[in-house]
């Protein structure tokens, strides 16, 4: 039993020693081997590799992929007109020389991101200080990003290289600070309200003009129609008067009798109307009493005339 236990313990020790001597480098990473705190080797090829067991050698890993650094500080910047603006940006970068990076920057990606953030912000500050808001928002935007990228590359590849590569620098947003933004929005709103009120007043004036013209045309049309109606009515009344005059002129007594009959007819507009008259003093009844012969005589005299 003691022999079996010794063999098992020996195997465990050998496995532990082998595991401390073997390490795997991922294809997305660099492997950095340290010997007593000094960089011994940088492994760029992925796969299984060997080293001495700790504490003689240790290994650490650094990301070799393309990294993204976004703006961390929203502190306002001043333009050439002393306007306070806030910008958002991002940088695409990667570690190209792990040994140089560790010696100049730090042991991990976070150390490089912190220093790169400071350099990029300073570069943006210098460029924005030389340009107006109009250039920042439109015409000079691409030039600003190009100049910032150039300045950052000069820093990371200068007298003391960082061992990094800056692939791209982009500005994603440029805006006034919140206080100025509110003021700008209020001015924009006031301007839009002014334009809207102007359009409303212009439209109201045009509407009144159209309504006035329509009312004028209506009055003209009604007046012309009334004029034509009165002319036609006058012509009809004249024709009727001529016909009545011609008819009544042939028999005046019948005309007087007819007019009296029409007058009485007009007096009784309703069934409840009552009129009290004296038959002895009324021309209408007198025609029935004494004037009937003359009326009849006039009618009787007509046949001989027709016979002629």
Protein backbone atom coordinates (compact mmCIF):
# COMPACT_ATOMS: atom_id res chain seq x y z
CA UNK A 1 0.00 0.00 0.00
CA UNK A 2 2.82 2.38 0.81
CA UNK A 3 4.38 1.68 -2.59
CA UNK A 4 1.10 2.39 -4.39
CA UNK A 5 0.63 5.61 -2.42
CA UNK A 6 4.16 6.71 -3.24
CA UNK A 7 3.59 6.05 -6.94
CA UNK A 8 0.31 7.97 -6.87
CA UNK A 9 1.88 10.89 -5.05
CA UNK A 10 4.75 10.95 -7.51
CA UNK A 11 2.33 10.99 -10.45
CA UNK A 12 0.41 13.87 -8.92
CA UNK A 13 3.59 15.83 -8.40
CA UNK A 14 4.66 15.16 -11.97
CA UNK A 15 1.26 16.23 -13.31
CA UNK A 16 1.36 19.42 -11.27
CA UNK A 17 4.89 20.15 -12.47
CA UNK A 18 3.92 19.46 -16.09
CA UNK A 19 0.83 21.70 -15.84
CA UNK A 20 2.97 24.53 -14.47
CA UNK A 21 5.41 24.12 -17.37
CA UNK A 22 2.77 23.93 -20.15
CA UNK A 23 0.57 26.84 -21.26
CA UNK A 24 -1.69 27.58 -24.21
CA UNK A 25 -1.62 30.80 -26.20
CA UNK A 26 -4.95 31.70 -27.82
CA UNK A 27 -4.95 33.04 -31.37
CA UNK A 28 -6.45 36.29 -30.06
CA UNK A 29 -3.63 36.89 -27.58
CA UNK A 30 0.08 37.42 -27.13
CA UNK A 31 1.87 35.26 -24.56
CA UNK A 32 4.58 37.05 -22.54
CA UNK A 33 7.00 34.86 -20.56
CA UNK A 34 8.71 36.49 -17.56
CA UNK A 35 11.86 35.19 -15.87
CA UNK A 36 12.40 36.68 -12.42
CA UNK A 37 10.42 39.79 -13.38
CA UNK A 38 12.14 40.32 -16.72
CA UNK A 39 10.57 39.68 -20.11
CA UNK A 40 12.14 36.50 -21.44
CA UNK A 41 10.05 35.85 -24.53
CA UNK A 42 6.98 37.10 -26.41
CA UNK A 43 4.98 34.35 -28.09
CA UNK A 44 2.88 35.46 -31.05
CA UNK A 45 1.94 32.05 -32.47
CA UNK A 46 -1.06 30.27 -30.93
CA UNK A 47 -0.69 26.74 -29.56
CA UNK A 48 0.88 24.75 -26.73
CA UNK A 49 4.16 26.10 -25.33
CA UNK A 50 6.65 25.24 -22.55
CA UNK A 51 8.29 27.29 -19.79
CA UNK A 52 10.03 26.73 -16.50
CA UNK A 53 7.81 26.24 -13.51
CA UNK A 54 7.16 29.14 -11.14
CA UNK A 55 8.84 31.02 -9.61
CA UNK A 56 11.47 30.72 -12.31
CA UNK A 57 9.16 31.73 -15.13
CA UNK A 58 5.62 33.11 -15.32
CA UNK A 59 3.36 33.91 -18.25
CA UNK A 60 0.81 36.68 -18.88
CA UNK A 61 -1.45 37.43 -21.83
CA UNK A 62 -2.16 40.59 -23.82
CA UNK A 63 -5.01 41.01 -26.31
CA UNK A 64 -3.85 41.25 -29.91
CA UNK A 65 -7.26 42.09 -31.40
CA UNK A 66 -8.43 45.45 -32.66
CA UNK A 67 -9.59 47.39 -29.59
CA UNK A 68 -12.06 50.25 -29.28
CA UNK A 69 -11.58 53.17 -26.94
CA UNK A 70 -14.57 55.49 -26.44
CA UNK A 71 -14.49 58.96 -24.89
CA UNK A 72 -14.62 58.79 -21.10
CA UNK A 73 -14.65 62.49 -20.16
CA UNK A 74 -17.64 64.68 -21.15
CA UNK A 75 -15.85 67.87 -20.11
CA UNK A 76 -16.77 70.79 -22.46
CA UNK A 77 -14.23 72.23 -24.89
CA UNK A 78 -13.93 75.79 -26.23
CA UNK A 79 -14.14 76.62 -29.93
CA UNK A 80 -12.46 79.56 -31.67
CA UNK A 81 -15.54 81.71 -30.82
CA UNK A 82 -15.29 80.66 -27.14
CA UNK A 83 -18.37 78.49 -27.44
CA UNK A 84 -18.56 75.55 -25.03
CA UNK A 85 -19.17 72.27 -26.86
CA UNK A 86 -19.22 68.61 -25.88
CA UNK A 87 -17.94 65.92 -28.26
CA UNK A 88 -18.03 62.13 -28.30
CA UNK A 89 -15.35 60.14 -30.10
CA UNK A 90 -13.84 56.69 -30.37
CA UNK A 91 -10.43 55.27 -31.38
CA UNK A 92 -9.70 51.92 -33.00
CA UNK A 93 -6.25 50.68 -31.91
CA UNK A 94 -4.23 47.52 -31.35
CA UNK A 95 -1.03 46.42 -29.60
CA UNK A 96 1.59 45.79 -32.28
CA UNK A 97 4.73 45.27 -30.15
CA UNK A 98 3.95 43.59 -26.81
CA UNK A 99 7.45 43.98 -25.40
CA UNK A 100 7.63 47.68 -26.19
CA UNK A 101 4.06 48.13 -24.92
CA UNK A 102 4.84 46.52 -21.56
CA UNK A 103 8.00 48.59 -21.11
CA UNK A 104 6.42 51.91 -22.13
CA UNK A 105 2.77 51.64 -21.13
CA UNK A 106 1.83 48.80 -18.79
CA UNK A 107 1.01 45.17 -18.32
CA UNK A 108 -2.57 45.17 -19.64
CA UNK A 109 -4.85 46.86 -22.14
CA UNK A 110 -6.47 49.13 -19.54
CA UNK A 111 -3.18 50.96 -18.95
CA UNK A 112 -2.89 51.75 -22.67
CA UNK A 113 -6.54 52.85 -22.87
CA UNK A 114 -6.07 55.36 -20.03
CA UNK A 115 -2.99 56.95 -21.57
CA UNK A 116 -4.46 56.91 -25.08
CA UNK A 117 -7.63 58.60 -23.79
CA UNK A 118 -5.55 61.49 -22.42
CA UNK A 119 -3.60 61.92 -25.66
CA UNK A 120 -6.70 61.82 -27.89
CA UNK A 121 -8.60 64.28 -25.72
CA UNK A 122 -5.70 66.76 -25.77
CA UNK A 123 -5.45 66.44 -29.55
CA UNK A 124 -9.18 67.11 -29.96
CA UNK A 125 -8.95 70.08 -27.61
CA UNK A 126 -6.17 71.67 -29.67
CA UNK A 127 -8.01 71.17 -32.96
CA UNK A 128 -11.35 72.44 -31.67
CA UNK A 129 -9.72 75.53 -30.17
CA UNK A 130 -8.63 76.52 -33.68
CA UNK A 131 -12.00 76.03 -35.38
CA UNK A 132 -15.48 77.53 -35.31
CA UNK A 133 -18.70 75.74 -34.51
CA UNK A 134 -19.67 75.73 -38.20
CA UNK A 135 -16.42 73.99 -39.12
CA UNK A 136 -16.88 71.56 -36.27
CA UNK A 137 -20.39 70.61 -37.34
CA UNK A 138 -19.96 70.55 -41.10
CA UNK A 139 -17.04 71.57 -43.28
CA UNK A 140 -14.07 70.84 -41.01
CA UNK A 141 -15.24 67.64 -39.36
CA UNK A 142 -13.20 65.24 -41.51
CA UNK A 143 -10.14 67.45 -41.30
CA UNK A 144 -10.36 67.57 -37.51
CA UNK A 145 -10.43 63.77 -37.28
CA UNK A 146 -7.51 63.45 -39.69
CA UNK A 147 -5.43 65.96 -37.73
CA UNK A 148 -6.22 64.27 -34.41
CA UNK A 149 -5.23 60.89 -35.81
CA UNK A 150 -1.94 62.33 -37.09
CA UNK A 151 -1.13 63.95 -33.74
CA UNK A 152 -1.92 60.77 -31.80
CA UNK A 153 0.25 58.68 -34.10
CA UNK A 154 3.13 61.13 -33.60
CA UNK A 155 2.85 60.66 -29.84
CA UNK A 156 2.63 56.85 -29.81
CA UNK A 157 5.45 56.46 -32.36
CA UNK A 158 7.67 59.27 -31.06
CA UNK A 159 10.95 59.18 -29.16
CA UNK A 160 9.54 56.58 -26.80
CA UNK A 161 7.21 54.34 -28.85
CA UNK A 162 4.26 52.76 -27.13
CA UNK A 163 4.19 49.62 -29.26
CA UNK A 164 0.61 50.34 -30.40
CA UNK A 165 -1.00 51.10 -33.76
CA UNK A 166 -3.78 53.69 -34.10
CA UNK A 167 -6.08 52.50 -36.89
CA UNK A 168 -8.79 55.17 -36.88
CA UNK A 169 -10.11 58.16 -34.94
CA UNK A 170 -13.76 59.20 -35.29
CA UNK A 171 -15.92 61.93 -33.79
CA UNK A 172 -19.47 60.65 -33.30
CA UNK A 173 -21.18 63.69 -31.77
CA UNK A 174 -20.59 67.40 -31.36
CA UNK A 175 -23.09 69.51 -29.48
CA UNK A 176 -23.41 72.54 -27.27
CA UNK A 177 -23.39 72.09 -23.51
CA UNK A 178 -26.81 71.57 -21.97
CA UNK A 179 -27.34 75.20 -20.90
CA UNK A 180 -26.48 76.54 -24.36
CA UNK A 181 -28.50 73.78 -26.03
CA UNK A 182 -31.62 74.85 -24.15
CA UNK A 183 -31.05 78.45 -25.22
CA UNK A 184 -30.52 77.38 -28.84
CA UNK A 185 -33.68 75.27 -28.76
CA UNK A 186 -35.66 78.20 -27.35
CA UNK A 187 -34.38 80.49 -30.11
CA UNK A 188 -35.20 77.87 -32.73
CA UNK A 189 -38.67 77.43 -31.25
CA UNK A 190 -39.24 81.20 -31.21
CA UNK A 191 -38.12 81.43 -34.84
CA UNK A 192 -40.40 78.58 -35.89
CA UNK A 193 -43.31 80.19 -34.01
CA UNK A 194 -42.61 83.50 -35.75
CA UNK A 195 -42.63 81.82 -39.16
CA UNK A 196 -45.80 79.90 -38.26
CA UNK A 197 -47.57 83.08 -37.10
CA UNK A 198 -46.47 84.86 -40.27
CA UNK A 199 -47.86 82.05 -42.39
CA UNK A 200 -51.10 82.06 -40.40
CA UNK A 201 -51.52 85.82 -40.81
CA UNK A 202 -50.76 85.59 -44.52
CA UNK A 203 -53.20 82.73 -44.90
CA UNK A 204 -55.84 84.64 -42.91
CA UNK A 205 -55.42 87.69 -45.13
CA UNK A 206 -55.68 85.56 -48.27
CA UNK A 207 -58.76 83.86 -46.84
CA UNK A 208 -60.43 87.19 -46.08
CA UNK A 209 -59.60 88.38 -49.58
CA UNK A 210 -61.11 85.25 -51.13
CA UNK A 211 -64.23 85.51 -48.93
CA UNK A 212 -64.64 89.20 -49.76
CA UNK A 213 -64.34 88.49 -53.48
CA UNK A 214 -66.85 85.64 -53.17
CA UNK A 215 -69.30 87.89 -51.27
CA UNK A 216 -68.88 90.59 -53.93
CA UNK A 217 -69.52 88.09 -56.71
CA UNK A 218 -72.58 86.81 -54.84
CA UNK A 219 -73.98 90.33 -54.43
CA UNK A 220 -73.34 91.09 -58.09
CA UNK A 221 -75.03 87.86 -59.15
CA UNK A 222 -78.04 88.49 -56.90
CA UNK A 223 -78.31 92.09 -58.10
CA UNK A 224 -78.17 91.04 -61.74
CA UNK A 225 -80.76 88.33 -61.16
CA UNK A 226 -83.03 90.78 -59.30
CA UNK A 227 -82.61 93.31 -62.09
CA UNK A 228 -83.53 90.75 -64.73
CA UNK A 229 -86.44 89.50 -62.63
CA UNK A 230 -87.78 93.03 -62.15
CA UNK A 231 -87.44 93.74 -65.87
CA UNK A 232 -89.34 90.56 -66.76
CA UNK A 233 -91.91 91.29 -64.08
CA UNK A 234 -92.32 94.86 -65.34
CA UNK A 235 -92.76 93.66 -68.88
CA UNK A 236 -95.34 91.13 -67.68
CA UNK A 237 -97.16 93.74 -65.61
CA UNK A 238 -97.19 96.12 -68.58
CA UNK A 239 -98.52 93.40 -70.84
CA UNK A 240 -101.15 92.42 -68.28
CA UNK A 241 -102.16 96.06 -67.80
CA UNK A 242 -102.50 96.47 -71.55
CA UNK A 243 -104.65 93.37 -71.78
CA UNK A 244 -106.81 94.48 -68.84
CA UNK A 245 -107.16 97.96 -70.32
CA UNK A 246 -108.15 96.57 -73.67
CA UNK A 247 -110.64 94.15 -72.13
CA UNK A 248 -112.16 96.61 -69.67
CA UNK A 249 -112.30 99.38 -72.26
CA UNK A 250 -114.80 97.42 -74.29
CA UNK A 251 -117.29 97.21 -71.33
CA UNK A 252 -116.66 99.72 -68.48
CA UNK A 253 -119.67 98.57 -66.43
CA UNK A 254 -118.45 94.97 -66.47
CA UNK A 255 -114.97 96.18 -65.52
CA UNK A 256 -116.41 98.06 -62.52
CA UNK A 257 -118.41 95.00 -61.53
CA UNK A 258 -115.35 92.75 -61.85
CA UNK A 259 -113.20 95.04 -59.75
CA UNK A 260 -115.86 95.15 -57.04
CA UNK A 261 -116.03 91.37 -57.10
CA UNK A 262 -112.23 91.12 -56.79
CA UNK A 263 -112.26 93.59 -53.90
CA UNK A 264 -114.82 91.52 -51.98
CA UNK A 265 -112.88 88.36 -52.76
CA UNK A 266 -109.70 89.87 -51.34
CA UNK A 267 -111.56 90.95 -48.20
CA UNK A 268 -112.48 87.37 -47.30
CA UNK A 269 -109.14 85.65 -46.83
CA UNK A 270 -110.36 83.20 -44.16
CA UNK A 271 -113.54 81.27 -43.49
CA UNK A 272 -114.05 83.20 -40.26
CA UNK A 273 -113.95 86.65 -41.92
CA UNK A 274 -117.22 88.59 -41.66
CA UNK A 275 -118.23 91.83 -43.40
CA UNK A 276 -121.45 93.77 -42.67
CA UNK A 277 -122.69 95.93 -45.55
CA UNK A 278 -125.90 97.81 -46.46
CA UNK A 279 -127.26 96.43 -49.71
CA UNK A 280 -129.09 99.65 -50.48
CA UNK A 281 -125.93 101.78 -50.42
CA UNK A 282 -123.45 99.32 -51.97
CA UNK A 283 -122.41 99.56 -55.58
CA UNK A 284 -121.97 95.80 -55.75
CA UNK A 285 -125.57 95.01 -54.85
CA UNK A 286 -126.82 97.97 -56.84
CA UNK A 287 -125.34 96.31 -59.89
CA UNK A 288 -127.45 93.25 -59.17
CA UNK A 289 -130.59 95.31 -58.64
CA UNK A 290 -130.50 98.06 -61.22
CA UNK A 291 -127.43 97.53 -63.33
CA UNK A 292 -128.15 93.94 -64.29
CA UNK A 293 -130.15 95.04 -67.34
CA UNK A 294 -127.33 97.09 -68.64
CA UNK A 295 -124.86 94.28 -68.05
CA UNK A 296 -127.29 91.80 -69.57
CA UNK A 297 -128.10 94.22 -72.31
CA UNK A 298 -124.46 94.54 -73.12
CA UNK A 299 -124.16 90.79 -73.28
CA UNK A 300 -127.38 90.53 -75.31
CA UNK A 301 -126.26 93.15 -77.75
CA UNK A 302 -123.16 91.14 -78.55
CA UNK A 303 -124.78 88.35 -80.65
CA UNK A 304 -126.13 90.71 -83.33
CA UNK A 305 -122.67 92.21 -83.66
CA UNK A 306 -121.21 88.76 -84.04
CA UNK A 307 -123.91 87.84 -86.53
CA UNK A 308 -122.85 90.76 -88.63
